[in-house]
PDB file of N, CA and C in Angstrom:
ATOM      1  N   MET A   1     123.846  14.329  17.284  1.00  0.00           N
ATOM      2  CA  MET A   1     122.534  14.572  16.707  1.00  0.00           C
ATOM      3  C   MET A   1     122.491  14.949  15.216  1.00  0.00           C
ATOM      4  N   SER A   2     121.841  14.398  14.508  1.00  0.00           N
ATOM      5  CA  SER A   2     121.826  14.448  13.002  1.00  0.00           C
ATOM      6  C   SER A   2     121.214  15.919  12.670  1.00  0.00           C
ATOM      7  N   THR A   3     121.576  16.587  11.943  1.00  0.00           N
ATOM      8  CA  THR A   3     121.145  17.911  11.371  1.00  0.00           C
ATOM      9  C   THR A   3     120.326  17.988  10.268  1.00  0.00           C
ATOM     10  N   ARG A   4     119.998  16.615   9.604  1.00  0.00           N
ATOM     11  CA  ARG A   4     119.566  16.361   8.430  1.00  0.00           C
ATOM     12  C   ARG A   4     118.109  16.463   8.792  1.00  0.00           C
ATOM     13  N   GLU A   5     117.323  16.683   7.938  1.00  0.00           N
ATOM     14  CA  GLU A   5     115.850  16.972   7.798  1.00  0.00           C
ATOM     15  C   GLU A   5     114.919  15.497   7.854  1.00  0.00           C
ATOM     16  N   THR A   6     114.169  15.179   8.649  1.00  0.00           N
ATOM     17  CA  THR A   6     113.618  13.753   8.626  1.00  0.00           C
ATOM     18  C   THR A   6     111.937  14.001   8.901  1.00  0.00           C
ATOM     19  N   LEU A   7     111.142  13.198   7.942  1.00  0.00           N
ATOM     20  CA  LEU A   7     109.693  13.128   8.319  1.00  0.00           C
ATOM     21  C   LEU A   7     109.273  12.272   9.575  1.00  0.00           C
ATOM     22  N   LEU A   8     110.140  11.846  10.236  1.00  0.00           N
ATOM     23  CA  LEU A   8     109.885  11.032  11.570  1.00  0.00           C
ATOM     24  C   LEU A   8     110.037  11.718  12.773  1.00  0.00           C
ATOM     25  N   GLU A   9     108.928  11.279  13.755  1.00  0.00           N
ATOM     26  CA  GLU A   9     108.969  12.254  14.869  1.00  0.00           C
ATOM     27  C   GLU A   9     109.664  11.331  15.843  1.00  0.00           C
ATOM     28  N   PHE A  10     110.475  11.640  16.695  1.00  0.00           N
ATOM     29  CA  PHE A  10     111.154  10.646  17.464  1.00  0.00           C
ATOM     30  C   PHE A  10     110.677  10.792  19.006  1.00  0.00           C
ATOM     31  N   PRO A  11     110.672   9.767  19.627  1.00  0.00           N
ATOM     32  CA  PRO A  11     110.938   8.478  19.464  1.00  0.00           C
ATOM     33  C   PRO A  11     109.803   8.001  18.558  1.00  0.00           C
ATOM     34  N   CYS A  12     109.673   6.811  17.970  1.00  0.00           N
ATOM     35  CA  CYS A  12     108.498   6.293  17.038  1.00  0.00           C
ATOM     36  C   CYS A  12     108.879   4.781  16.703  1.00  0.00           C
ATOM     37  N   ASP A  13     108.035   4.239  16.633  1.00  0.00           N
ATOM     38  CA  ASP A  13     107.910   2.616  16.340  1.00  0.00           C
ATOM     39  C   ASP A  13     108.493   2.607  14.753  1.00  0.00           C
ATOM     40  N   PHE A  14     109.295   1.647  14.465  1.00  0.00           N
ATOM     41  CA  PHE A  14     109.844   1.490  13.160  1.00  0.00           C
ATOM     42  C   PHE A  14     110.377   0.173  12.850  1.00  0.00           C
ATOM     43  N   PRO A  15     109.703  -0.327  11.775  1.00  0.00           N
ATOM     44  CA  PRO A  15     110.230  -1.845  11.634  1.00  0.00           C
ATOM     45  C   PRO A  15     111.216  -1.739  10.329  1.00  0.00           C
ATOM     46  N   ILE A  16     112.100  -2.706  10.720  1.00  0.00           N
ATOM     47  CA  ILE A  16     113.387  -2.803   9.998  1.00  0.00           C
ATOM     48  C   ILE A  16     112.968  -4.036   9.272  1.00  0.00           C
ATOM     49  N   LYS A  17     113.131  -4.235   7.966  1.00  0.00           N
ATOM     50  CA  LYS A  17     113.023  -5.422   7.261  1.00  0.00           C
ATOM     51  C   LYS A  17     114.525  -6.007   6.728  1.00  0.00           C
ATOM     52  N   VAL A  18     114.705  -7.207   6.882  1.00  0.00           N
ATOM     53  CA  VAL A  18     116.131  -7.698   6.606  1.00  0.00           C
ATOM     54  C   VAL A  18     116.137  -9.155   5.651  1.00  0.00           C
ATOM     55  N   PHE A  19     116.608  -9.167   4.565  1.00  0.00           N
ATOM     56  CA  PHE A  19     116.522 -10.185   3.652  1.00  0.00           C
ATOM     57  C   PHE A  19     117.874 -10.916   3.623  1.00  0.00           C
ATOM     58  N   GLY A  20     118.070 -12.284   3.719  1.00  0.00           N
ATOM     59  CA  GLY A  20     119.133 -13.085   3.568  1.00  0.00           C
ATOM     60  C   GLY A  20     119.101 -14.546   3.316  1.00  0.00           C
ATOM     61  N   LYS A  21     119.995 -15.262   3.209  1.00  0.00           N
ATOM     62  CA  LYS A  21     119.953 -16.668   2.900  1.00  0.00           C
ATOM     63  C   LYS A  21     119.628 -17.384   4.315  1.00  0.00           C
ATOM     64  N   ASP A  22     118.806 -18.355   4.215  1.00  0.00           N
ATOM     65  CA  ASP A  22     118.087 -19.179   5.480  1.00  0.00           C
ATOM     66  C   ASP A  22     119.143 -20.146   5.629  1.00  0.00           C
ATOM     67  N   ASP A  23     120.382 -19.641   6.427  1.00  0.00           N
ATOM     68  CA  ASP A  23     121.447 -20.876   6.614  1.00  0.00           C
ATOM     69  C   ASP A  23     121.278 -21.293   8.298  1.00  0.00           C
ATOM     70  N   GLY A  24     120.106 -21.004   8.802  1.00  0.00           N
ATOM     71  CA  GLY A  24     120.331 -21.521  10.095  1.00  0.00           C
ATOM     72  C   GLY A  24     120.536 -20.360  11.108  1.00  0.00           C
ATOM     73  N   GLY A  25     121.426 -19.388  10.669  1.00  0.00           N
ATOM     74  CA  GLY A  25     121.719 -18.309  11.444  1.00  0.00           C
ATOM     75  C   GLY A  25     121.457 -17.148  11.315  1.00  0.00           C
ATOM     76  N   PHE A  26     120.723 -16.788  10.226  1.00  0.00           N
ATOM     77  CA  PHE A  26     120.357 -15.478   9.748  1.00  0.00           C
ATOM     78  C   PHE A  26     119.779 -14.501  10.857  1.00  0.00           C
ATOM     79  N   GLN A  27     118.806 -15.148  11.584  1.00  0.00           N
ATOM     80  CA  GLN A  27     117.990 -14.294  12.424  1.00  0.00           C
ATOM     81  C   GLN A  27     118.617 -13.922  13.512  1.00  0.00           C
ATOM     82  N   ALA A  28     119.685 -14.746  13.670  1.00  0.00           N
ATOM     83  CA  ALA A  28     120.516 -14.470  15.237  1.00  0.00           C
ATOM     84  C   ALA A  28     121.537 -13.578  14.890  1.00  0.00           C
ATOM     85  N   ARG A  29     122.147 -13.684  13.577  1.00  0.00           N
ATOM     86  CA  ARG A  29     122.995 -12.602  13.040  1.00  0.00           C
ATOM     87  C   ARG A  29     122.307 -11.261  13.014  1.00  0.00           C
ATOM     88  N   VAL A  30     121.124 -11.178  12.421  1.00  0.00           N
ATOM     89  CA  VAL A  30     120.535  -9.866  12.407  1.00  0.00           C
ATOM     90  C   VAL A  30     120.341  -9.149  13.921  1.00  0.00           C
ATOM     91  N   PHE A  31     119.896  -9.999  14.653  1.00  0.00           N
ATOM     92  CA  PHE A  31     119.640  -9.516  16.058  1.00  0.00           C
ATOM     93  C   PHE A  31     120.864  -8.953  16.379  1.00  0.00           C
ATOM     94  N   ASP A  32     122.044  -9.847  16.405  1.00  0.00           N
ATOM     95  CA  ASP A  32     123.452  -9.313  16.775  1.00  0.00           C
ATOM     96  C   ASP A  32     123.661  -7.797  16.308  1.00  0.00           C
ATOM     97  N   LEU A  33     123.437  -7.667  15.178  1.00  0.00           N
ATOM     98  CA  LEU A  33     123.803  -6.571  14.369  1.00  0.00           C
ATOM     99  C   LEU A  33     122.847  -5.264  14.974  1.00  0.00           C
ATOM    100  N   VAL A  34     121.851  -5.542  15.198  1.00  0.00           N
ATOM    101  CA  VAL A  34     120.785  -4.489  15.629  1.00  0.00           C
ATOM    102  C   VAL A  34     120.816  -4.150  17.189  1.00  0.00           C
ATOM    103  N   ALA A  35     121.055  -5.322  17.950  1.00  0.00           N
ATOM    104  CA  ALA A  35     121.170  -5.041  19.374  1.00  0.00           C
ATOM    105  C   ALA A  35     122.019  -4.104  19.906  1.00  0.00           C
ATOM    106  N   PRO A  36     123.019  -3.738  19.668  1.00  0.00           N
ATOM    107  CA  PRO A  36     123.991  -2.589  19.964  1.00  0.00           C
ATOM    108  C   PRO A  36     123.365  -1.488  19.915  1.00  0.00           C
ATOM    109  N   HIS A  37     122.411  -1.024  18.910  1.00  0.00           N
ATOM    110  CA  HIS A  37     122.227   0.127  18.627  1.00  0.00           C
ATOM    111  C   HIS A  37     120.615   0.550  19.565  1.00  0.00           C
ATOM    112  N   VAL A  38     119.874  -0.638  20.240  1.00  0.00           N
ATOM    113  CA  VAL A  38     118.575  -0.445  20.460  1.00  0.00           C
ATOM    114  C   VAL A  38     118.643  -0.814  21.747  1.00  0.00           C
ATOM    115  N   THR A  39     118.328  -0.353  22.806  1.00  0.00           N
ATOM    116  CA  THR A  39     118.375  -0.451  24.364  1.00  0.00           C
ATOM    117  C   THR A  39     117.099  -1.324  24.516  1.00  0.00           C
ATOM    118  N   ASP A  40     117.588  -2.815  25.144  1.00  0.00           N
ATOM    119  CA  ASP A  40     116.607  -3.601  25.605  1.00  0.00           C
ATOM    120  C   ASP A  40     115.847  -4.296  24.385  1.00  0.00           C
ATOM    121  N   LEU A  41     116.561  -4.449  23.260  1.00  0.00           N
ATOM    122  CA  LEU A  41     115.860  -5.218  22.439  1.00  0.00           C
ATOM    123  C   LEU A  41     115.879  -6.677  22.608  1.00  0.00           C
ATOM    124  N   ARG A  42     114.327  -7.375  22.262  1.00  0.00           N
ATOM    125  CA  ARG A  42     114.224  -8.700  22.646  1.00  0.00           C
ATOM    126  C   ARG A  42     114.045  -9.159  21.553  1.00  0.00           C
ATOM    127  N   ARG A  43     114.187 -10.993  21.408  1.00  0.00           N
ATOM    128  CA  ARG A  43     114.103 -11.753  20.500  1.00  0.00           C
ATOM    129  C   ARG A  43     112.467 -11.553  20.110  1.00  0.00           C
ATOM    130  N   SER A  44     111.843 -11.315  21.150  1.00  0.00           N
ATOM    131  CA  SER A  44     110.227 -11.203  20.697  1.00  0.00           C
ATOM    132  C   SER A  44     109.958  -9.986  19.954  1.00  0.00           C
ATOM    133  N   ASP A  45     110.776  -9.287  19.543  1.00  0.00           N
ATOM    134  CA  ASP A  45     110.571  -7.924  18.728  1.00  0.00           C
ATOM    135  C   ASP A  45     110.850  -8.306  17.362  1.00  0.00           C
ATOM    136  N   MET A  46     111.107  -9.472  17.107  1.00  0.00           N
ATOM    137  CA  MET A  46     111.376  -9.959  15.607  1.00  0.00           C
ATOM    138  C   MET A  46     110.530 -10.911  15.326  1.00  0.00           C
ATOM    139  N   SER A  47     110.541 -10.993  13.972  1.00  0.00           N
ATOM    140  CA  SER A  47     109.737 -12.163  13.286  1.00  0.00           C
ATOM    141  C   SER A  47     110.312 -12.613  11.749  1.00  0.00           C
ATOM    142  N   ALA A  48     109.885 -13.700  11.671  1.00  0.00           N
ATOM    143  CA  ALA A  48     110.889 -14.189  10.483  1.00  0.00           C
ATOM    144  C   ALA A  48     109.825 -14.856   9.525  1.00  0.00           C
ATOM    145  N   LYS A  49     110.178 -14.892   8.140  1.00  0.00           N
ATOM    146  CA  LYS A  49     109.131 -15.466   7.262  1.00  0.00           C
ATOM    147  C   LYS A  49     110.095 -16.179   5.998  1.00  0.00           C
ATOM    148  N   PRO A  50     110.111 -17.328   5.677  1.00  0.00           N
ATOM    149  CA  PRO A  50     110.977 -18.011   5.022  1.00  0.00           C
ATOM    150  C   PRO A  50     110.288 -17.886   3.520  1.00  0.00           C
ATOM    151  N   SER A  51     111.138 -17.687   2.524  1.00  0.00           N
ATOM    152  CA  SER A  51     110.546 -17.402   1.328  1.00  0.00           C
ATOM    153  C   SER A  51     110.048 -18.793   0.886  1.00  0.00           C
ATOM    154  N   SER A  52     109.004 -18.762  -0.306  1.00  0.00           N
ATOM    155  CA  SER A  52     108.406 -19.806  -0.500  1.00  0.00           C
ATOM    156  C   SER A  52     109.442 -21.216  -0.885  1.00  0.00           C
ATOM    157  N   GLY A  53     110.501 -20.988  -1.438  1.00  0.00           N
ATOM    158  CA  GLY A  53     111.309 -21.998  -1.653  1.00  0.00           C
ATOM    159  C   GLY A  53     112.399 -22.446  -0.302  1.00  0.00           C
ATOM    160  N   GLY A  54     112.210 -21.662   0.617  1.00  0.00           N
ATOM    161  CA  GLY A  54     112.801 -22.007   1.710  1.00  0.00           C
ATOM    162  C   GLY A  54     114.425 -21.759   1.664  1.00  0.00           C
ATOM    163  N   LYS A  55     114.918 -21.171   0.825  1.00  0.00           N
ATOM    164  CA  LYS A  55     116.281 -20.713   0.624  1.00  0.00           C
ATOM    165  C   LYS A  55     116.658 -19.338   1.246  1.00  0.00           C
ATOM    166  N   TYR A  56     115.732 -18.386   1.324  1.00  0.00           N
ATOM    167  CA  TYR A  56     115.801 -17.253   1.806  1.00  0.00           C
ATOM    168  C   TYR A  56     114.862 -16.988   3.063  1.00  0.00           C
ATOM    169  N   LEU A  57     115.270 -15.921   4.032  1.00  0.00           N
ATOM    170  CA  LEU A  57     114.459 -15.482   5.312  1.00  0.00           C
ATOM    171  C   LEU A  57     114.463 -14.053   5.273  1.00  0.00           C
ATOM    172  N   ALA A  58     113.076 -13.614   5.472  1.00  0.00           N
ATOM    173  CA  ALA A  58     112.658 -12.128   5.733  1.00  0.00           C
ATOM    174  C   ALA A  58     112.571 -11.858   7.224  1.00  0.00           C
ATOM    175  N   VAL A  59     113.416 -11.355   7.766  1.00  0.00           N
ATOM    176  CA  VAL A  59     113.109 -10.970   9.280  1.00  0.00           C
ATOM    177  C   VAL A  59     112.967  -9.380   9.235  1.00  0.00           C
ATOM    178  N   THR A  60     111.999  -9.340  10.340  1.00  0.00           N
ATOM    179  CA  THR A  60     111.210  -7.969  10.420  1.00  0.00           C
ATOM    180  C   THR A  60     111.849  -7.488  12.052  1.00  0.00           C
ATOM    181  N   VAL A  61     112.538  -6.441  12.364  1.00  0.00           N
ATOM    182  CA  VAL A  61     112.837  -6.066  13.743  1.00  0.00           C
ATOM    183  C   VAL A  61     112.066  -4.813  13.960  1.00  0.00           C
ATOM    184  N   ASN A  62     111.126  -5.038  14.932  1.00  0.00           N
ATOM    185  CA  ASN A  62     110.364  -3.725  15.269  1.00  0.00           C
ATOM    186  C   ASN A  62     111.102  -3.271  16.513  1.00  0.00           C
ATOM    187  N   ILE A  63     111.545  -1.807  16.135  1.00  0.00           N
ATOM    188  CA  ILE A  63     112.482  -0.984  17.290  1.00  0.00           C
ATOM    189  C   ILE A  63     111.672   0.206  17.583  1.00  0.00           C
ATOM    190  N   VAL A  64     111.989   0.933  18.592  1.00  0.00           N
ATOM    191  CA  VAL A  64     111.469   2.247  18.862  1.00  0.00           C
ATOM    192  C   VAL A  64     112.729   2.930  18.784  1.00  0.00           C
ATOM    193  N   ALA A  65     112.511   3.690  17.518  1.00  0.00           N
ATOM    194  CA  ALA A  65     113.526   4.422  16.889  1.00  0.00           C
ATOM    195  C   ALA A  65     113.775   5.738  17.790  1.00  0.00           C
ATOM    196  N   THR A  66     114.954   6.054  18.501  1.00  0.00           N
ATOM    197  CA  THR A  66     115.142   7.508  19.107  1.00  0.00           C
ATOM    198  C   THR A  66     115.739   8.515  18.194  1.00  0.00           C
ATOM    199  N   SER A  67     116.403   8.155  16.856  1.00  0.00           N
ATOM    200  CA  SER A  67     116.906   9.445  16.171  1.00  0.00           C
ATOM    201  C   SER A  67     117.296   8.868  14.863  1.00  0.00           C
ATOM    202  N   GLN A  68     117.443   9.866  13.934  1.00  0.00           N
ATOM    203  CA  GLN A  68     117.768   9.356  12.690  1.00  0.00           C
ATOM    204  C   GLN A  68     119.148   8.978  12.570  1.00  0.00           C
ATOM    205  N   ASP A  69     120.231   9.374  13.149  1.00  0.00           N
ATOM    206  CA  ASP A  69     121.400   8.847  13.579  1.00  0.00           C
ATOM    207  C   ASP A  69     121.376   7.211  14.082  1.00  0.00           C
ATOM    208  N   GLN A  70     120.477   6.720  14.798  1.00  0.00           N
ATOM    209  CA  GLN A  70     120.252   5.524  15.456  1.00  0.00           C
ATOM    210  C   GLN A  70     119.877   4.782  14.141  1.00  0.00           C
ATOM    211  N   ILE A  71     118.927   5.019  13.307  1.00  0.00           N
ATOM    212  CA  ILE A  71     118.470   4.219  12.057  1.00  0.00           C
ATOM    213  C   ILE A  71     119.601   4.037  11.086  1.00  0.00           C
ATOM    214  N   ASP A  72     120.177   5.285  10.883  1.00  0.00           N
ATOM    215  CA  ASP A  72     121.501   4.993   9.891  1.00  0.00           C
ATOM    216  C   ASP A  72     122.540   4.474  10.281  1.00  0.00           C
ATOM    217  N   ALA A  73     122.729   4.307  11.703  1.00  0.00           N
ATOM    218  CA  ALA A  73     123.878   3.200  12.116  1.00  0.00           C
ATOM    219  C   ALA A  73     123.476   1.847  11.978  1.00  0.00           C
ATOM    220  N   ILE A  74     121.851   1.886  12.212  1.00  0.00           N
ATOM    221  CA  ILE A  74     121.519   0.179  12.215  1.00  0.00           C
ATOM    222  C   ILE A  74     121.619  -0.286  10.715  1.00  0.00           C
ATOM    223  N   TYR A  75     121.307   0.656   9.861  1.00  0.00           N
ATOM    224  CA  TYR A  75     121.234   0.349   8.293  1.00  0.00           C
ATOM    225  C   TYR A  75     122.452  -0.133   8.023  1.00  0.00           C
ATOM    226  N   SER A  76     123.702   0.562   8.477  1.00  0.00           N
ATOM    227  CA  SER A  76     125.096   0.819   7.959  1.00  0.00           C
ATOM    228  C   SER A  76     125.544  -0.473   8.416  1.00  0.00           C
ATOM    229  N   ASP A  77     125.271  -0.912   9.602  1.00  0.00           N
ATOM    230  CA  ASP A  77     125.672  -2.489  10.123  1.00  0.00           C
ATOM    231  C   ASP A  77     125.091  -3.364   9.258  1.00  0.00           C
ATOM    232  N   LEU A  78     124.089  -3.324   9.076  1.00  0.00           N
ATOM    233  CA  LEU A  78     122.937  -4.442   8.398  1.00  0.00           C
ATOM    234  C   LEU A  78     123.685  -4.685   6.835  1.00  0.00           C
ATOM    235  N   THR A  79     123.552  -3.300   6.188  1.00  0.00           N
ATOM    236  CA  THR A  79     124.093  -3.419   4.703  1.00  0.00           C
ATOM    237  C   THR A  79     125.768  -3.748   4.562  1.00  0.00           C
ATOM    238  N   GLY A  80     126.524  -3.514   5.846  1.00  0.00           N
ATOM    239  CA  GLY A  80     127.785  -4.046   5.628  1.00  0.00           C
ATOM    240  C   GLY A  80     128.176  -5.519   5.980  1.00  0.00           C
ATOM    241  N   SER A  81     127.087  -6.084   6.177  1.00  0.00           N
ATOM    242  CA  SER A  81     127.603  -7.761   6.433  1.00  0.00           C
ATOM    243  C   SER A  81     127.202  -8.358   5.326  1.00  0.00           C
ATOM    244  N   GLN A  82     128.026  -9.456   5.286  1.00  0.00           N
ATOM    245  CA  GLN A  82     127.841 -10.248   3.792  1.00  0.00           C
ATOM    246  C   GLN A  82     126.625 -11.139   3.841  1.00  0.00           C
ATOM    247  N   GLN A  83     126.253 -11.557   5.105  1.00  0.00           N
ATOM    248  CA  GLN A  83     124.986 -12.162   4.918  1.00  0.00           C
ATOM    249  C   GLN A  83     123.795 -11.634   4.684  1.00  0.00           C
ATOM    250  N   VAL A  84     123.873 -10.189   4.866  1.00  0.00           N
ATOM    251  CA  VAL A  84     122.394  -9.359   4.421  1.00  0.00           C
ATOM    252  C   VAL A  84     122.405  -9.140   2.829  1.00  0.00           C
ATOM    253  N   LEU A  85     121.447  -9.397   2.371  1.00  0.00           N
ATOM    254  CA  LEU A  85     121.042  -9.469   0.683  1.00  0.00           C
ATOM    255  C   LEU A  85     120.678  -7.776   0.487  1.00  0.00           C
ATOM    256  N   MET A  86     119.550  -7.592   1.662  1.00  0.00           N
ATOM    257  CA  MET A  86     118.874  -6.332   1.539  1.00  0.00           C
ATOM    258  C   MET A  86     118.411  -6.020   2.806  1.00  0.00           C
ATOM    259  N   ALA A  87     118.415  -4.463   2.857  1.00  0.00           N
ATOM    260  CA  ALA A  87     117.721  -3.899   4.443  1.00  0.00           C
ATOM    261  C   ALA A  87     116.878  -2.950   3.893  1.00  0.00           C
ATOM    262  N   LEU A  88     115.444  -2.910   4.325  1.00  0.00           N
ATOM    263  CA  LEU A  88     114.579  -1.948   4.098  1.00  0.00           C
ATOM    264  C   LEU A  88     113.794  -1.235   5.290  1.00  0.00           C
TER     265      LEU A  88
END
């Protein structure tokens, strides 16, 4: 368990926004990176929106966060992926 202070009260709904090139597999890659950290993550927990030019994809994953450590681990895996340009 994390000893850092957080403003969040767990468990809580927590949206994660992930941006990357729309190569046809980006949304599946985001799912594969987040799923190990979230019990019962479903594809329906995700939504995607292409950029106006269609080159990039913004994916939102809505999770129920259980701890700050869980959130940190998700962001670590996302930002460690070369396909992910930004995660918020």
